[in-house]
Amino acid sequence: MTETRSAASSQNRDRGGRTSPVTFYRQVVAELRKVVWPTRQQLITYFWVVLVFVTVMIGIVSGLDYVFGTLMFKVFG
């Protein structure tokens, strides 16, 4: 089996051991066919989860920035 693999591998390679562009694109398409794409409902759910998470994190960071900024002005102000 290693002989057939190396023979096929050497046919798909250019000089310098690089894969040819045609083989590369065929492999990309083959991998994309294996991907399990989310349904529309899952995509909408994921969008809202990410949006809420980012909004909460912005609130936390903004609050901490305000608190530390106020403290610095009181200490060094």
N, C-alpha and C. Protein backbone atom coordinates (compact mmCIF):
# COMPACT_ATOMS: atom_id res chain seq x y z
N MET A 1 0.82 -1.19 0.00
CA MET A 1 0.00 0.00 0.00
C MET A 1 0.86 1.26 0.00
N THR A 2 2.01 1.21 0.63
CA THR A 2 2.87 2.39 0.64
C THR A 2 3.40 2.69 -0.75
N GLU A 3 3.58 1.65 -1.57
CA GLU A 3 4.07 1.89 -2.92
C GLU A 3 3.04 2.65 -3.74
N THR A 4 1.76 2.25 -3.62
CA THR A 4 0.72 2.94 -4.39
C THR A 4 0.53 4.36 -3.88
N ARG A 5 0.66 4.52 -2.59
CA ARG A 5 0.53 5.86 -2.02
C ARG A 5 1.66 6.76 -2.48
N SER A 6 2.89 6.26 -2.46
CA SER A 6 4.01 7.08 -2.88
C SER A 6 3.97 7.33 -4.38
N ALA A 7 3.49 6.37 -5.16
CA ALA A 7 3.38 6.57 -6.60
C ALA A 7 2.34 7.64 -6.92
N ALA A 8 1.19 7.56 -6.25
CA ALA A 8 0.14 8.57 -6.46
C ALA A 8 0.61 9.91 -5.94
N SER A 9 1.32 9.88 -4.85
CA SER A 9 1.82 11.11 -4.26
C SER A 9 2.83 11.78 -5.18
N SER A 10 3.70 11.00 -5.79
CA SER A 10 4.70 11.59 -6.66
C SER A 10 4.08 12.11 -7.95
N GLN A 11 2.98 11.53 -8.39
CA GLN A 11 2.30 12.02 -9.59
C GLN A 11 1.67 13.38 -9.34
N ASN A 12 1.21 13.64 -8.13
CA ASN A 12 0.52 14.88 -7.80
C ASN A 12 1.47 15.99 -7.35
N ARG A 13 2.75 15.74 -7.41
CA ARG A 13 3.70 16.74 -6.91
C ARG A 13 4.50 17.35 -8.05
N ASP A 14 4.76 18.64 -7.94
CA ASP A 14 5.63 19.33 -8.89
C ASP A 14 7.06 19.19 -8.43
N ARG A 15 7.94 19.95 -9.07
CA ARG A 15 9.32 20.00 -8.61
C ARG A 15 9.39 20.61 -7.22
N GLY A 16 10.30 20.17 -6.43
CA GLY A 16 10.48 20.72 -5.09
C GLY A 16 9.54 20.11 -4.06
N GLY A 17 8.80 19.07 -4.40
CA GLY A 17 7.95 18.40 -3.44
C GLY A 17 6.66 19.12 -3.13
N ARG A 18 6.25 20.05 -3.98
CA ARG A 18 5.02 20.80 -3.72
C ARG A 18 3.86 20.17 -4.47
N THR A 19 2.66 20.26 -3.87
CA THR A 19 1.45 19.74 -4.49
C THR A 19 1.01 20.69 -5.59
N SER A 20 0.53 20.14 -6.70
CA SER A 20 0.09 20.98 -7.81
C SER A 20 -1.18 21.74 -7.41
N PRO A 21 -1.40 22.91 -8.01
CA PRO A 21 -2.59 23.70 -7.67
C PRO A 21 -3.91 22.97 -7.93
N VAL A 22 -3.96 22.17 -8.99
CA VAL A 22 -5.19 21.43 -9.30
C VAL A 22 -5.49 20.44 -8.20
N THR A 23 -4.47 19.72 -7.76
CA THR A 23 -4.66 18.76 -6.67
C THR A 23 -5.06 19.46 -5.39
N PHE A 24 -4.44 20.59 -5.13
CA PHE A 24 -4.77 21.36 -3.93
C PHE A 24 -6.25 21.73 -3.92
N TYR A 25 -6.74 22.29 -5.03
CA TYR A 25 -8.14 22.72 -5.08
C TYR A 25 -9.09 21.53 -5.01
N ARG A 26 -8.73 20.43 -5.59
CA ARG A 26 -9.56 19.22 -5.47
C ARG A 26 -9.65 18.77 -4.02
N GLN A 27 -8.53 18.83 -3.32
CA GLN A 27 -8.53 18.44 -1.91
C GLN A 27 -9.34 19.41 -1.07
N VAL A 28 -9.27 20.70 -1.39
CA VAL A 28 -10.06 21.69 -0.66
C VAL A 28 -11.54 21.42 -0.84
N VAL A 29 -11.96 21.17 -2.08
CA VAL A 29 -13.38 20.89 -2.35
C VAL A 29 -13.80 19.61 -1.64
N ALA A 30 -12.96 18.60 -1.65
CA ALA A 30 -13.29 17.34 -0.96
C ALA A 30 -13.46 17.56 0.53
N GLU A 31 -12.60 18.38 1.14
CA GLU A 31 -12.73 18.66 2.57
C GLU A 31 -13.97 19.48 2.87
N LEU A 32 -14.30 20.44 2.01
CA LEU A 32 -15.49 21.25 2.24
C LEU A 32 -16.77 20.42 2.13
N ARG A 33 -16.74 19.36 1.35
CA ARG A 33 -17.91 18.48 1.27
C ARG A 33 -18.12 17.70 2.56
N LYS A 34 -17.06 17.53 3.35
CA LYS A 34 -17.16 16.81 4.62
C LYS A 34 -17.71 17.68 5.74
N VAL A 35 -17.70 19.00 5.54
CA VAL A 35 -18.11 19.93 6.60
C VAL A 35 -19.61 19.79 6.85
N VAL A 36 -19.98 19.77 8.12
CA VAL A 36 -21.39 19.76 8.50
C VAL A 36 -21.79 21.21 8.71
N TRP A 37 -22.54 21.76 7.77
CA TRP A 37 -22.93 23.16 7.83
C TRP A 37 -24.11 23.33 8.77
N PRO A 38 -24.15 24.42 9.56
CA PRO A 38 -25.28 24.62 10.48
C PRO A 38 -26.55 24.97 9.71
N THR A 39 -27.68 24.62 10.31
CA THR A 39 -28.96 25.00 9.71
C THR A 39 -29.18 26.49 9.92
N ARG A 40 -30.19 27.04 9.28
CA ARG A 40 -30.48 28.47 9.41
C ARG A 40 -30.81 28.81 10.86
N GLN A 41 -31.60 27.95 11.51
CA GLN A 41 -31.98 28.20 12.91
C GLN A 41 -30.76 28.15 13.82
N GLN A 42 -29.86 27.20 13.61
CA GLN A 42 -28.65 27.13 14.42
C GLN A 42 -27.80 28.37 14.21
N LEU A 43 -27.70 28.84 12.97
CA LEU A 43 -26.91 30.02 12.67
C LEU A 43 -27.46 31.25 13.38
N ILE A 44 -28.79 31.39 13.38
CA ILE A 44 -29.43 32.51 14.08
C ILE A 44 -29.17 32.42 15.57
N THR A 45 -29.28 31.22 16.13
CA THR A 45 -29.03 31.02 17.57
C THR A 45 -27.59 31.36 17.91
N TYR A 46 -26.64 30.88 17.13
CA TYR A 46 -25.22 31.16 17.38
C TYR A 46 -24.94 32.65 17.30
N PHE A 47 -25.57 33.32 16.32
CA PHE A 47 -25.39 34.76 16.17
C PHE A 47 -25.81 35.49 17.44
N TRP A 48 -26.99 35.16 17.98
CA TRP A 48 -27.48 35.85 19.17
C TRP A 48 -26.64 35.53 20.40
N VAL A 49 -26.18 34.29 20.51
CA VAL A 49 -25.32 33.93 21.64
C VAL A 49 -24.03 34.75 21.61
N VAL A 50 -23.41 34.85 20.43
CA VAL A 50 -22.18 35.62 20.31
C VAL A 50 -22.45 37.10 20.57
N LEU A 51 -23.54 37.63 20.04
CA LEU A 51 -23.86 39.05 20.23
C LEU A 51 -24.07 39.38 21.70
N VAL A 52 -24.79 38.52 22.42
CA VAL A 52 -25.02 38.75 23.85
C VAL A 52 -23.71 38.64 24.62
N PHE A 53 -22.91 37.64 24.31
CA PHE A 53 -21.62 37.46 25.00
C PHE A 53 -20.72 38.68 24.80
N VAL A 54 -20.60 39.15 23.56
CA VAL A 54 -19.75 40.29 23.27
C VAL A 54 -20.28 41.54 23.98
N THR A 55 -21.59 41.73 24.00
CA THR A 55 -22.18 42.88 24.68
C THR A 55 -21.88 42.83 26.18
N VAL A 56 -22.02 41.68 26.79
CA VAL A 56 -21.72 41.53 28.22
C VAL A 56 -20.24 41.82 28.49
N MET A 57 -19.36 41.30 27.64
CA MET A 57 -17.94 41.54 27.84
C MET A 57 -17.60 43.01 27.66
N ILE A 58 -18.23 43.69 26.71
CA ILE A 58 -18.01 45.13 26.54
C ILE A 58 -18.44 45.86 27.80
N GLY A 59 -19.56 45.46 28.37
CA GLY A 59 -20.04 46.08 29.61
C GLY A 59 -19.07 45.89 30.76
N ILE A 60 -18.55 44.68 30.90
CA ILE A 60 -17.60 44.39 31.98
C ILE A 60 -16.32 45.20 31.82
N VAL A 61 -15.76 45.19 30.62
CA VAL A 61 -14.51 45.92 30.38
C VAL A 61 -14.73 47.42 30.54
N SER A 62 -15.83 47.93 30.04
CA SER A 62 -16.12 49.37 30.19
C SER A 62 -16.28 49.75 31.66
N GLY A 63 -16.98 48.91 32.41
CA GLY A 63 -17.15 49.17 33.85
C GLY A 63 -15.83 49.17 34.59
N LEU A 64 -14.99 48.19 34.31
CA LEU A 64 -13.67 48.14 34.95
C LEU A 64 -12.82 49.34 34.55
N ASP A 65 -12.89 49.73 33.29
CA ASP A 65 -12.13 50.89 32.83
C ASP A 65 -12.59 52.14 33.57
N TYR A 66 -13.87 52.30 33.74
CA TYR A 66 -14.41 53.48 34.44
C TYR A 66 -13.96 53.49 35.90
N VAL A 67 -14.08 52.32 36.56
CA VAL A 67 -13.70 52.22 37.98
C VAL A 67 -12.21 52.51 38.16
N PHE A 68 -11.36 51.87 37.37
CA PHE A 68 -9.92 52.08 37.51
C PHE A 68 -9.52 53.49 37.12
N GLY A 69 -10.15 54.05 36.11
CA GLY A 69 -9.87 55.44 35.72
C GLY A 69 -10.23 56.41 36.83
N THR A 70 -11.39 56.21 37.44
CA THR A 70 -11.82 57.07 38.54
C THR A 70 -10.87 56.93 39.73
N LEU A 71 -10.46 55.72 40.04
CA LEU A 71 -9.52 55.50 41.14
C LEU A 71 -8.19 56.19 40.88
N MET A 72 -7.69 56.10 39.65
CA MET A 72 -6.42 56.74 39.32
C MET A 72 -6.50 58.26 39.46
N PHE A 73 -7.63 58.84 39.03
CA PHE A 73 -7.78 60.29 39.18
C PHE A 73 -7.87 60.69 40.66
N LYS A 74 -8.48 59.84 41.48
CA LYS A 74 -8.57 60.18 42.90
C LYS A 74 -7.21 60.01 43.59
N VAL A 75 -6.46 58.98 43.20
CA VAL A 75 -5.16 58.74 43.82
C VAL A 75 -4.12 59.76 43.34
N PHE A 76 -4.04 60.00 42.03
CA PHE A 76 -2.99 60.85 41.47
C PHE A 76 -3.50 62.22 41.06
N GLY A 77 -4.83 62.45 41.16
CA GLY A 77 -5.46 63.64 40.64
C GLY A 77 -5.10 64.88 41.27
